[in-house]
Amino acid sequence: MPVIMLITFVALFAWVLHPKNQKSYDDAANLPFNEDDGDITSTEMSKDGRGNK
C-alpha cells in the first residue's frame, strides 16, 4: 500500500510541475483578480454590509 501511495504522489507531483500545465495554473491563479460585471458596488450594499437588500 505505501508503494502505491508513493507512486501516486510522485506521478501527481510530476503532472503538476509539467511545463505544459503552467498556463492553465496561471489562468486559475489570476481568476480572483479578473474584473467582471457582477461586482457589488457600495450603493447596492445594505447597512449590515452583507449585500442584502
Protein backbone atom coordinates (compact mmCIF):
# COMPACT_ATOMS: atom_id res chain seq x y z
CA MET A 1 0.00 0.00 0.00
CA PRO A 2 2.72 2.58 0.81
CA VAL A 3 4.38 1.88 -2.55
CA ILE A 4 1.16 2.67 -4.41
CA MET A 5 0.75 5.89 -2.41
CA LEU A 6 4.35 6.90 -3.16
CA ILE A 7 3.94 6.22 -6.87
CA THR A 8 0.68 8.21 -6.91
CA PHE A 9 2.32 11.12 -5.10
CA VAL A 10 5.30 11.20 -7.46
CA ALA A 11 3.02 10.96 -10.51
CA LEU A 12 0.82 13.84 -9.29
CA PHE A 13 3.88 15.89 -8.41
CA ALA A 14 5.33 15.39 -11.90
CA TRP A 15 1.97 16.19 -13.52
CA VAL A 16 1.59 19.45 -11.58
CA LEU A 17 5.11 20.61 -12.39
CA HIS A 18 4.93 19.71 -16.09
CA PRO A 19 5.53 22.88 -18.16
CA LYS A 20 2.51 22.34 -20.43
CA ASN A 21 0.18 22.86 -17.44
CA GLN A 22 1.67 26.20 -16.38
CA LYS A 23 -0.67 28.39 -18.46
CA SER A 24 -3.81 26.78 -17.06
CA TYR A 25 -2.49 27.15 -13.49
CA ASP A 26 -1.55 30.79 -14.12
CA ASP A 27 -5.03 31.47 -15.50
CA ALA A 28 -6.64 29.82 -12.49
CA ALA A 29 -4.41 31.77 -10.09
CA ASN A 30 -5.43 35.07 -11.69
CA LEU A 31 -9.19 34.42 -11.62
CA PRO A 32 -9.79 36.38 -8.39
CA PHE A 33 -8.13 39.43 -9.94
CA ASN A 34 -10.16 39.45 -13.15
CA GLU A 35 -12.78 42.17 -13.31
CA ASP A 36 -16.33 41.13 -14.03
CA ASP A 37 -19.67 42.92 -14.22
CA GLY A 38 -21.07 41.09 -11.19
CA ASP A 39 -19.29 43.20 -8.57
CA ILE A 40 -21.42 44.71 -5.85
CA THR A 41 -20.99 48.45 -5.59
CA SER A 42 -21.21 50.39 -2.36
CA THR A 43 -24.64 51.78 -3.35
CA GLU A 44 -26.00 48.23 -3.61
CA MET A 45 -24.74 47.27 -0.15
CA SER A 46 -27.20 47.43 2.72
CA LYS A 47 -26.44 48.89 6.11
CA ASP A 48 -25.44 45.49 7.51
CA GLY A 49 -22.69 45.18 4.87
CA ARG A 50 -23.80 41.80 3.58
CA GLY A 51 -25.34 42.95 0.30
CA ASN A 52 -28.86 42.06 1.43
CA LYS A 53 -31.48 44.48 0.21
